[in-house]
N, C-alpha and C. Protein backbone atom coordinates (compact mmCIF):
# COMPACT_ATOMS: atom_id res chain seq x y z
N MET A 1 0.60 -1.26 -0.18
CA MET A 1 -0.10 -0.11 0.15
C MET A 1 0.84 1.07 0.23
N ILE A 2 0.54 2.22 -0.77
CA ILE A 2 1.16 3.42 -0.53
C ILE A 2 0.10 4.70 -0.02
N HIS A 3 0.50 5.46 0.49
CA HIS A 3 -0.03 6.44 0.75
C HIS A 3 0.24 7.61 0.55
N GLU A 4 -0.12 8.96 0.34
CA GLU A 4 -0.01 9.77 -0.07
C GLU A 4 -0.62 10.97 0.73
N LEU A 5 0.32 11.97 1.95
CA LEU A 5 0.08 12.97 2.82
C LEU A 5 -0.23 13.84 2.00
N LYS A 6 -1.48 15.18 1.50
CA LYS A 6 -1.60 16.07 0.34
C LYS A 6 -1.56 17.25 1.41
N ARG A 7 -1.50 18.41 1.19
CA ARG A 7 -1.02 19.65 1.85
C ARG A 7 -1.46 20.68 0.89
N TYR A 8 -2.58 21.28 0.92
CA TYR A 8 -3.02 22.45 0.19
C TYR A 8 -3.58 23.66 0.38
N GLN A 9 -2.24 24.61 0.31
CA GLN A 9 -2.35 25.65 0.96
C GLN A 9 -3.23 26.95 0.00
N ALA A 10 -4.20 27.68 0.71
CA ALA A 10 -4.96 28.14 -0.35
C ALA A 10 -4.84 29.87 -0.51
N HIS A 11 -5.05 30.15 -1.62
CA HIS A 11 -4.84 31.61 -1.17
C HIS A 11 -5.24 32.37 -0.64
N PRO A 12 -4.80 33.72 0.27
CA PRO A 12 -5.30 34.36 1.39
C PRO A 12 -7.09 34.85 1.03
N GLY A 13 -7.83 34.03 2.22
CA GLY A 13 -8.93 34.50 1.66
C GLY A 13 -9.87 33.19 0.95
N LYS A 14 -9.30 32.15 0.81
CA LYS A 14 -9.92 31.53 -0.24
C LYS A 14 -10.30 30.12 0.55
N ALA A 15 -9.75 29.78 1.38
CA ALA A 15 -9.72 28.26 2.30
C ALA A 15 -11.27 27.96 2.28
N ASP A 16 -12.07 28.55 2.59
CA ASP A 16 -13.84 28.39 2.61
C ASP A 16 -14.10 27.81 1.16
N ALA A 17 -13.61 28.75 0.02
CA ALA A 17 -14.11 28.49 -1.02
C ALA A 17 -13.02 27.16 -1.72
N LEU A 18 -11.99 27.10 -1.09
CA LEU A 18 -11.44 25.51 -1.80
C LEU A 18 -11.84 24.18 -0.88
N ARG A 19 -12.37 24.31 0.33
CA ARG A 19 -13.05 23.63 1.20
C ARG A 19 -14.41 23.17 0.52
N ALA A 20 -15.03 24.49 -0.05
CA ALA A 20 -16.52 24.09 -0.63
C ALA A 20 -16.47 23.17 -1.59
N ARG A 21 -15.49 23.75 -2.53
CA ARG A 21 -14.75 23.00 -4.14
C ARG A 21 -14.96 21.58 -3.13
N PHE A 22 -13.83 21.33 -2.55
CA PHE A 22 -13.58 19.91 -1.87
C PHE A 22 -14.71 19.15 -1.62
N VAL A 23 -15.87 19.38 -1.18
CA VAL A 23 -17.03 18.99 -0.68
C VAL A 23 -17.97 19.05 -1.48
N ALA A 24 -18.23 19.72 -2.40
CA ALA A 24 -19.15 19.58 -3.92
C ALA A 24 -18.73 18.96 -4.82
N VAL A 25 -17.40 19.09 -5.44
CA VAL A 25 -17.04 18.52 -6.69
C VAL A 25 -15.80 17.40 -6.43
N THR A 26 -14.92 17.76 -5.44
CA THR A 26 -13.52 16.95 -5.47
C THR A 26 -13.68 15.17 -4.57
N VAL A 27 -14.42 15.68 -4.13
CA VAL A 27 -15.02 14.23 -3.02
C VAL A 27 -15.47 13.61 -3.98
N PRO A 28 -17.18 13.71 -4.55
CA PRO A 28 -17.50 13.16 -5.55
C PRO A 28 -16.49 12.40 -6.77
N ILE A 29 -15.97 13.12 -7.54
CA ILE A 29 -15.39 12.43 -8.28
C ILE A 29 -13.79 11.50 -7.61
N PHE A 30 -13.21 12.09 -7.01
CA PHE A 30 -12.15 11.19 -6.14
C PHE A 30 -13.46 9.59 -6.08
N ALA A 31 -14.47 9.45 -5.29
CA ALA A 31 -15.35 8.63 -5.38
C ALA A 31 -15.53 7.64 -6.66
N ARG A 32 -15.93 8.57 -7.64
CA ARG A 32 -16.25 8.31 -8.97
C ARG A 32 -15.14 7.37 -9.80
N LEU A 33 -14.04 7.87 -9.82
CA LEU A 33 -12.57 7.51 -9.97
C LEU A 33 -11.73 6.63 -9.27
N GLY A 34 -12.63 6.09 -8.21
CA GLY A 34 -12.12 5.18 -7.30
C GLY A 34 -10.47 5.53 -6.21
N ILE A 35 -10.71 6.90 -6.39
CA ILE A 35 -9.20 7.32 -5.38
C ILE A 35 -9.80 7.33 -4.00
N THR A 36 -9.12 6.44 -3.20
CA THR A 36 -9.55 6.30 -1.41
C THR A 36 -8.95 7.57 -0.80
N VAL A 37 -9.58 8.32 -0.21
CA VAL A 37 -8.87 9.19 0.75
C VAL A 37 -9.81 8.24 2.02
N ARG A 38 -8.32 8.30 3.10
CA ARG A 38 -9.11 7.99 4.46
C ARG A 38 -9.45 9.06 5.40
N HIS A 39 -8.98 10.65 5.17
CA HIS A 39 -9.23 11.44 6.05
C HIS A 39 -9.00 12.73 5.66
N TYR A 40 -9.58 13.75 5.82
CA TYR A 40 -9.38 14.96 5.83
C TYR A 40 -9.00 15.82 7.23
N TRP A 41 -8.31 16.91 7.13
CA TRP A 41 -8.19 17.44 7.92
C TRP A 41 -7.45 18.67 8.38
N THR A 42 -7.94 19.79 9.20
CA THR A 42 -7.56 21.45 9.21
C THR A 42 -6.27 21.64 10.12
N CYS A 43 -6.58 22.46 10.29
CA CYS A 43 -5.05 22.69 11.52
C CYS A 43 -5.29 24.08 12.01
N PRO A 44 -5.94 24.23 12.99
CA PRO A 44 -6.02 25.54 13.48
C PRO A 44 -4.96 26.65 13.13
N GLN A 45 -3.69 25.98 13.28
CA GLN A 45 -1.89 27.12 13.07
C GLN A 45 -2.32 27.33 11.80
N GLU A 46 -3.02 26.55 11.06
CA GLU A 46 -2.75 27.09 9.64
C GLU A 46 -3.82 26.67 8.63
N ALA A 47 -4.61 28.23 9.24
CA ALA A 47 -6.17 28.28 8.98
C ALA A 47 -6.47 28.22 7.09
N ASP A 48 -5.43 28.64 6.01
CA ASP A 48 -5.84 28.36 5.17
C ASP A 48 -5.21 27.02 4.30
N CYS A 49 -4.88 25.96 5.63
CA CYS A 49 -4.54 24.95 4.78
C CYS A 49 -5.60 23.42 4.61
N LEU A 50 -5.26 22.92 4.05
CA LEU A 50 -6.46 21.53 3.88
C LEU A 50 -5.43 20.32 4.00
N TYR A 51 -5.67 19.75 4.68
CA TYR A 51 -4.68 17.91 4.36
C TYR A 51 -5.67 16.86 4.47
N TYR A 52 -5.13 15.71 3.83
CA TYR A 52 -5.28 14.70 3.17
C TYR A 52 -4.76 13.31 2.46
N LEU A 53 -5.45 12.15 3.31
CA LEU A 53 -4.50 11.15 3.49
C LEU A 53 -5.11 10.11 2.33
N VAL A 54 -4.15 9.66 1.32
CA VAL A 54 -5.24 9.07 0.17
C VAL A 54 -4.18 7.59 0.02
N GLU A 55 -4.87 6.72 -0.14
CA GLU A 55 -4.29 5.27 -0.60
C GLU A 55 -4.69 5.03 -1.88
N PHE A 56 -3.19 4.22 -1.91
CA PHE A 56 -3.15 3.59 -3.51
C PHE A 56 -3.02 2.16 -3.18
N THR A 57 -2.99 1.18 -4.03
CA THR A 57 -2.32 -0.14 -3.70
C THR A 57 -0.98 -0.37 -4.13
N ASP A 58 -0.47 0.51 -5.22
CA ASP A 58 0.65 0.43 -5.79
C ASP A 58 0.75 1.54 -6.75
N GLU A 59 2.40 1.84 -7.03
CA GLU A 59 2.71 3.05 -7.87
C GLU A 59 1.92 3.05 -9.15
N ALA A 60 1.52 2.01 -9.83
CA ALA A 60 0.71 2.21 -11.05
C ALA A 60 -0.68 2.74 -10.83
N ALA A 61 -1.32 1.99 -9.53
CA ALA A 61 -2.78 2.85 -9.05
C ALA A 61 -2.43 4.21 -9.30
N ARG A 62 -1.37 4.38 -8.04
CA ARG A 62 -1.47 5.86 -7.86
C ARG A 62 -1.36 6.87 -9.20
N SER A 63 -0.51 6.58 -9.96
CA SER A 63 -0.27 7.22 -11.67
C SER A 63 -1.36 7.30 -12.30
N ALA A 64 -2.26 5.74 -12.52
CA ALA A 64 -3.30 5.84 -12.89
C ALA A 64 -4.24 7.04 -12.34
N ALA A 65 -4.81 7.19 -11.66
CA ALA A 65 -5.43 7.93 -11.07
C ALA A 65 -5.75 9.35 -10.72
N TRP A 66 -4.54 9.50 -10.55
CA TRP A 66 -4.02 11.03 -10.37
C TRP A 66 -4.22 11.78 -12.63
N ALA A 67 -3.82 10.69 -13.02
CA ALA A 67 -3.95 11.01 -14.86
C ALA A 67 -5.19 11.06 -14.94
N ALA A 68 -6.50 9.78 -14.28
CA ALA A 68 -7.58 9.98 -14.95
C ALA A 68 -8.12 11.66 -14.31
N PHE A 69 -8.03 11.88 -13.23
CA PHE A 69 -8.21 12.71 -12.61
C PHE A 69 -7.92 14.27 -13.25
N ALA A 70 -6.80 14.35 -13.43
CA ALA A 70 -6.78 15.68 -14.11
C ALA A 70 -6.74 15.48 -15.61
N ALA A 71 -7.59 14.67 -16.42
CA ALA A 71 -8.08 14.65 -17.35
C ALA A 71 -9.80 14.42 -17.20
N ASP A 72 -10.28 14.75 -16.16
CA ASP A 72 -11.61 14.19 -16.09
C ASP A 72 -12.42 15.66 -16.31
N ASP A 73 -13.26 15.69 -17.31
CA ASP A 73 -13.96 16.51 -17.51
C ASP A 73 -14.64 17.63 -17.07
N GLU A 74 -15.45 16.52 -15.96
CA GLU A 74 -16.21 17.66 -14.49
C GLU A 74 -15.52 18.56 -14.10
N TRP A 75 -13.57 17.40 -13.49
CA TRP A 75 -13.02 18.36 -12.97
C TRP A 75 -13.11 19.93 -13.37
N LYS A 76 -12.19 19.64 -14.77
CA LYS A 76 -11.78 21.21 -15.51
C LYS A 76 -12.97 21.81 -15.45
N ALA A 77 -13.90 21.57 -15.88
CA ALA A 77 -15.13 22.62 -16.11
C ALA A 77 -15.31 23.09 -14.12
N ALA A 78 -14.94 22.43 -13.34
CA ALA A 78 -15.65 22.84 -11.83
C ALA A 78 -14.26 23.88 -11.16
N LYS A 79 -13.26 23.21 -12.15
CA LYS A 79 -11.83 24.04 -11.50
C LYS A 79 -12.52 25.30 -12.07
N ALA A 80 -12.35 25.93 -13.44
CA ALA A 80 -12.81 26.67 -13.95
C ALA A 80 -13.55 27.48 -13.62
N ALA A 81 -14.53 27.28 -13.58
CA ALA A 81 -15.97 27.85 -12.93
C ALA A 81 -15.54 28.36 -11.41
N SER A 82 -14.91 28.13 -10.44
CA SER A 82 -14.40 27.95 -9.01
C SER A 82 -13.23 29.43 -9.27
N GLU A 83 -12.70 29.51 -10.13
CA GLU A 83 -11.65 30.45 -10.12
C GLU A 83 -11.66 31.15 -11.01
N LYS A 84 -13.15 31.83 -11.48
CA LYS A 84 -13.54 32.87 -12.05
C LYS A 84 -12.53 34.44 -11.58
N ASP A 85 -12.69 34.20 -10.32
CA ASP A 85 -11.87 35.13 -9.52
C ASP A 85 -10.55 35.42 -8.98
N GLY A 86 -9.80 34.14 -9.69
CA GLY A 86 -8.99 33.85 -9.83
C GLY A 86 -8.31 32.52 -8.41
N PRO A 87 -7.09 31.98 -8.83
CA PRO A 87 -6.97 30.42 -8.67
C PRO A 87 -7.01 30.20 -7.09
N LEU A 88 -7.55 29.43 -6.44
CA LEU A 88 -8.15 29.17 -5.05
C LEU A 88 -6.97 28.46 -4.37
N LEU A 89 -5.76 27.82 -5.16
CA LEU A 89 -4.57 26.64 -4.55
C LEU A 89 -3.33 28.01 -4.75
N ALA A 90 -3.19 27.95 -3.80
CA ALA A 90 -1.21 29.08 -3.71
C ALA A 90 -0.70 27.73 -4.04
N SER A 91 -0.52 26.65 -3.12
CA SER A 91 0.69 25.79 -3.34
C SER A 91 -0.18 24.48 -2.78
N GLN A 92 0.89 23.23 -3.27
CA GLN A 92 0.21 21.84 -2.40
C GLN A 92 1.35 21.08 -2.56
N THR A 93 1.87 19.91 -1.30
CA THR A 93 2.72 19.45 -1.30
C THR A 93 2.01 18.18 -1.25
N THR A 94 2.99 17.40 -1.60
CA THR A 94 2.99 15.27 -1.62
C THR A 94 3.70 14.80 -0.61
N VAL A 95 3.97 14.22 0.53
CA VAL A 95 4.65 13.38 1.13
C VAL A 95 4.49 11.63 0.56
N LEU A 96 4.63 11.08 -0.18
CA LEU A 96 4.60 9.52 -0.31
C LEU A 96 5.25 8.92 0.81
N LEU A 97 4.07 8.00 1.18
CA LEU A 97 4.75 7.32 2.82
C LEU A 97 4.41 5.86 2.32
N HIS A 98 5.13 4.93 3.09
CA HIS A 98 5.55 3.83 2.28
C HIS A 98 5.39 3.16 3.77
N PRO A 99 4.43 2.18 4.27
CA PRO A 99 4.78 1.27 5.06
C PRO A 99 6.21 0.69 5.66
N GLN A 100 6.34 0.34 6.67
CA GLN A 100 7.71 -0.41 7.17
C GLN A 100 7.01 -1.56 7.75
N SER A 101 8.29 -2.58 8.00
CA SER A 101 7.62 -3.92 8.26
C SER A 101 7.36 -3.96 9.72
N PHE A 102 7.38 -2.51 10.28
CA PHE A 102 7.38 -2.90 11.93
C PHE A 102 5.75 -2.29 12.37
N SER A 103 5.58 -1.54 11.00
CA SER A 103 4.19 -0.96 10.98
C SER A 103 2.84 -2.00 11.66
N ALA A 104 1.81 -1.50 12.23
CA ALA A 104 0.75 -2.25 13.02
C ALA A 104 0.15 -2.82 11.41
N PRO A 105 -0.52 -3.94 11.74
CA PRO A 105 -1.30 -4.21 10.61
C PRO A 105 -2.71 -3.64 10.80
N ARG A 106 -2.90 -3.47 9.21
CA ARG A 106 -4.64 -3.00 8.86
C ARG A 106 -5.96 -4.01 9.37
């Protein structure tokens, strides 16, 4: 199993719009494409950030899932519509997490 810890930093004043787009658009598209998100978080010390943990069976599944998401027409249209007044996302980081042999079994 491969996990990605994603951190999205919204442009100032756009965190609510970014989270709203996740709820209304991104989460359903992820579900339709089979992208498994284990959890979403916010952090009181980083009000403009959204964190989430994604799970993939292997690197091939990860690559295919993100390629499908990037090519998705519904996503492209929703992103464009939500960014008429400028981009919501200032930056994003991804940390790939690989389990270790001493990790607790699920």
